[in-house]
């Protein structure tokens, strides 16, 4: 019974200890091999992008943030109904010091309806000004960019969105493997003792 409890505990602990995970992309206007010139300042709010997920949750939104000249802290709001609609969730804050694609992760996956239209809105929280996002003619068919609250039908954010599938971290796997070896050794020892008694 003790062995069973030990094995169960090890399995539970290993399932709770997670590493970064694998990013599964659902919708995107482009990938890292395709950037286009064009942008919008983060001060041109309401600013964002509509999109139509095919999965039933959103775990992250990846956008290209540029500019600055210092550090800045940002969040991405996931909204329903419109670019100024209800906020379903806000990402964890991300502090940036250089331009580039950045992942904005939600603390838990946000439930969405596949095929419905949602909106994401990057917001500048703290730091020096001058930050912006890539907005260009990426020809994404599931939505459009919004700048100053107005839709820009010929343009989209550079973005990727999807879910994160957690992976067990190395210490958890080592703990689980060590527990299994201990359990197997005890079982083998009992079996050997039983053979000797015959």
Protein backbone atom coordinates (compact mmCIF):
# COMPACT_ATOMS: atom_id res chain seq x y z
CA UNK A 1 0.00 0.00 0.00
CA UNK A 2 2.86 2.37 0.83
CA UNK A 3 4.40 1.70 -2.56
CA UNK A 4 1.13 2.53 -4.31
CA UNK A 5 0.84 5.79 -2.33
CA UNK A 6 4.43 6.70 -3.22
CA UNK A 7 3.87 6.04 -6.92
CA UNK A 8 0.61 8.02 -6.91
CA UNK A 9 2.30 10.96 -5.18
CA UNK A 10 5.15 10.94 -7.69
CA UNK A 11 2.73 10.96 -10.63
CA UNK A 12 0.75 13.86 -9.13
CA UNK A 13 3.88 15.88 -8.38
CA UNK A 14 5.26 15.34 -11.88
CA UNK A 15 1.98 16.43 -13.45
CA UNK A 16 2.08 19.70 -11.49
CA UNK A 17 5.70 20.57 -12.30
CA UNK A 18 5.78 22.01 -15.79
CA UNK A 19 8.39 23.54 -18.05
CA UNK A 20 7.78 26.18 -20.74
CA UNK A 21 5.67 23.98 -22.99
CA UNK A 22 4.99 23.78 -26.70
CA UNK A 23 3.29 26.64 -28.54
CA UNK A 24 0.47 25.47 -30.84
CA UNK A 25 -0.41 28.23 -33.31
CA UNK A 26 -4.08 28.59 -34.24
CA UNK A 27 -4.43 31.90 -36.14
CA UNK A 28 -1.68 34.11 -37.55
CA UNK A 29 -1.20 36.88 -40.05
CA UNK A 30 2.40 35.77 -40.72
CA UNK A 31 5.27 33.87 -39.13
CA UNK A 32 8.83 34.84 -38.21
CA UNK A 33 9.97 34.53 -41.83
CA UNK A 34 7.63 37.30 -43.02
CA UNK A 35 7.68 40.88 -41.72
CA UNK A 36 6.45 43.95 -43.60
CA UNK A 37 7.13 47.64 -43.09
CA UNK A 38 4.35 49.62 -41.48
CA UNK A 39 3.27 50.29 -37.96
CA UNK A 40 1.07 52.06 -35.49
CA UNK A 41 2.02 53.77 -32.24
CA UNK A 42 0.64 52.19 -29.08
CA UNK A 43 -0.81 55.60 -28.21
CA UNK A 44 -3.31 55.33 -31.09
CA UNK A 45 -5.92 53.65 -28.88
CA UNK A 46 -8.25 51.89 -29.20
CA UNK A 47 -5.69 49.86 -31.14
CA UNK A 48 -5.88 46.16 -31.89
CA UNK A 49 -6.79 43.30 -34.19
CA UNK A 50 -9.86 41.16 -34.71
CA UNK A 51 -9.41 37.43 -35.27
CA UNK A 52 -11.51 34.26 -35.47
CA UNK A 53 -10.02 31.36 -33.47
CA UNK A 54 -10.64 27.78 -34.56
CA UNK A 55 -9.66 26.36 -31.14
CA UNK A 56 -11.81 26.67 -28.01
CA UNK A 57 -9.24 28.59 -25.97
CA UNK A 58 -6.50 31.20 -26.28
CA UNK A 59 -3.36 30.76 -24.19
CA UNK A 60 -1.09 33.40 -25.73
CA UNK A 61 -0.92 36.17 -28.29
CA UNK A 62 2.40 36.92 -30.01
CA UNK A 63 2.86 40.35 -31.59
CA UNK A 64 5.79 42.37 -32.91
CA UNK A 65 6.51 45.37 -30.68
CA UNK A 66 9.07 47.95 -31.89
CA UNK A 67 10.68 51.21 -30.84
CA UNK A 68 11.10 52.53 -27.39
CA UNK A 69 14.59 53.75 -26.66
CA UNK A 70 14.15 52.48 -23.11
CA UNK A 71 12.19 49.80 -21.36
CA UNK A 72 8.43 49.45 -21.42
CA UNK A 73 5.87 47.19 -19.76
CA UNK A 74 2.90 45.98 -21.78
CA UNK A 75 -0.19 43.78 -21.50
CA UNK A 76 -2.58 42.45 -24.13
CA UNK A 77 -6.31 42.52 -23.45
CA UNK A 78 -8.53 39.89 -25.06
CA UNK A 79 -11.93 41.45 -25.79
CA UNK A 80 -15.32 40.28 -27.05
CA UNK A 81 -17.87 42.07 -29.28
CA UNK A 82 -15.62 44.98 -30.39
CA UNK A 83 -12.23 46.62 -29.93
CA UNK A 84 -13.75 48.44 -26.94
CA UNK A 85 -15.91 45.48 -25.81
CA UNK A 86 -15.75 43.54 -22.55
CA UNK A 87 -12.29 42.39 -21.47
CA UNK A 88 -12.32 38.60 -21.18
CA UNK A 89 -8.74 38.47 -19.84
CA UNK A 90 -5.48 40.40 -19.71
CA UNK A 91 -2.11 38.82 -20.29
CA UNK A 92 0.64 38.80 -17.70
CA UNK A 93 2.70 42.02 -18.01
CA UNK A 94 5.78 41.81 -20.24
CA UNK A 95 8.73 44.21 -19.89
CA UNK A 96 10.66 44.83 -23.10
CA UNK A 97 13.92 46.66 -23.77
CA UNK A 98 14.27 45.87 -27.49
CA UNK A 99 12.07 45.43 -30.53
CA UNK A 100 10.90 42.02 -31.70
CA UNK A 101 8.13 39.44 -31.51
CA UNK A 102 6.96 38.94 -27.93
CA UNK A 103 4.69 36.35 -26.31
CA UNK A 104 1.90 37.64 -24.10
CA UNK A 105 0.72 34.72 -21.97
CA UNK A 106 -2.60 34.42 -20.15
CA UNK A 107 -2.36 32.97 -16.63
CA UNK A 108 -4.89 30.33 -17.67
CA UNK A 109 -6.34 29.58 -21.13
CA UNK A 110 -9.22 31.90 -22.03
CA UNK A 111 -12.30 30.00 -23.23
CA UNK A 112 -13.57 31.19 -26.61
CA UNK A 113 -16.12 30.01 -29.19
CA UNK A 114 -14.46 28.67 -32.36
CA UNK A 115 -15.41 30.76 -35.41
CA UNK A 116 -16.59 33.77 -33.36
CA UNK A 117 -14.80 37.11 -33.69
CA UNK A 118 -12.57 38.32 -30.83
CA UNK A 119 -10.24 41.27 -30.46
CA UNK A 120 -6.84 41.74 -28.88
CA UNK A 121 -5.56 45.10 -27.73
CA UNK A 122 -1.95 45.76 -26.69
CA UNK A 123 -1.59 48.41 -24.00
CA UNK A 124 1.44 50.30 -22.76
CA UNK A 125 1.54 50.30 -18.95
CA UNK A 126 4.81 51.91 -17.86
CA UNK A 127 8.11 53.14 -19.24
CA UNK A 128 9.33 55.55 -21.87
CA UNK A 129 7.22 56.29 -24.95
CA UNK A 130 7.82 55.67 -28.63
CA UNK A 131 6.64 52.05 -28.76
CA UNK A 132 4.53 50.67 -31.58
CA UNK A 133 3.37 47.49 -33.31
CA UNK A 134 3.74 46.16 -36.85
CA UNK A 135 0.58 46.85 -38.89
CA UNK A 136 0.79 46.11 -42.61
CA UNK A 137 -1.09 44.39 -45.49
CA UNK A 138 -0.65 40.78 -44.31
CA UNK A 139 -3.96 39.66 -45.90
CA UNK A 140 -5.23 37.78 -42.84
CA UNK A 141 -8.76 36.67 -43.77
CA UNK A 142 -10.15 36.23 -40.23
CA UNK A 143 -10.07 39.86 -39.09
CA UNK A 144 -8.68 43.38 -39.51
CA UNK A 145 -6.51 45.90 -37.70
CA UNK A 146 -7.98 48.77 -35.68
CA UNK A 147 -6.15 52.08 -35.24
CA UNK A 148 -7.67 55.02 -33.32
CA UNK A 149 -10.78 52.85 -32.90
CA UNK A 150 -11.36 52.59 -36.66
CA UNK A 151 -11.01 49.43 -38.73
CA UNK A 152 -8.26 49.39 -41.35
CA UNK A 153 -9.57 46.66 -43.71
CA UNK A 154 -6.44 46.43 -45.88
CA UNK A 155 -4.08 45.90 -42.91
CA UNK A 156 -3.42 43.49 -40.03
CA UNK A 157 -1.17 43.27 -37.03
CA UNK A 158 1.78 40.93 -37.31
CA UNK A 159 0.43 38.35 -34.88
CA UNK A 160 0.21 34.69 -33.94
CA UNK A 161 -2.14 33.24 -31.34
CA UNK A 162 -2.88 29.83 -29.91
CA UNK A 163 -2.43 27.59 -26.91
CA UNK A 164 0.48 26.36 -24.82
CA UNK A 165 0.71 22.61 -24.23
CA UNK A 166 2.70 22.16 -21.00
CA UNK A 167 5.60 19.73 -20.88
CA UNK A 168 6.89 18.09 -17.71
CA UNK A 169 10.16 19.62 -16.55
CA UNK A 170 13.35 17.56 -16.17
CA UNK A 171 13.38 17.39 -12.33
CA UNK A 172 9.82 16.04 -12.37
CA UNK A 173 10.77 13.35 -14.87
CA UNK A 174 13.84 12.41 -12.81
CA UNK A 175 11.72 12.24 -9.66
CA UNK A 176 9.14 10.07 -11.39
CA UNK A 177 11.81 7.78 -12.87
CA UNK A 178 13.60 7.47 -9.51
CA UNK A 179 10.34 6.62 -7.77
CA UNK A 180 9.57 3.95 -10.33
CA UNK A 181 13.04 2.41 -9.95
CA UNK A 182 12.64 2.36 -6.16
CA UNK A 183 9.24 0.71 -6.50
CA UNK A 184 10.58 -1.86 -9.01
CA UNK A 185 13.57 -2.65 -6.77
CA UNK A 186 11.29 -3.31 -3.78
CA UNK A 187 9.04 -5.55 -5.86
CA UNK A 188 12.04 -7.49 -7.21
CA UNK A 189 13.46 -7.85 -3.70
CA UNK A 190 10.16 -9.28 -2.42
CA UNK A 191 9.95 -11.65 -5.36
CA UNK A 192 13.53 -12.87 -4.78
CA UNK A 193 12.80 -13.38 -1.06
CA UNK A 194 9.68 -15.37 -1.91
CA UNK A 195 11.73 -17.63 -4.25
CA UNK A 196 14.35 -18.26 -1.55
CA UNK A 197 11.67 -19.33 0.95
CA UNK A 198 10.53 -22.10 -1.39
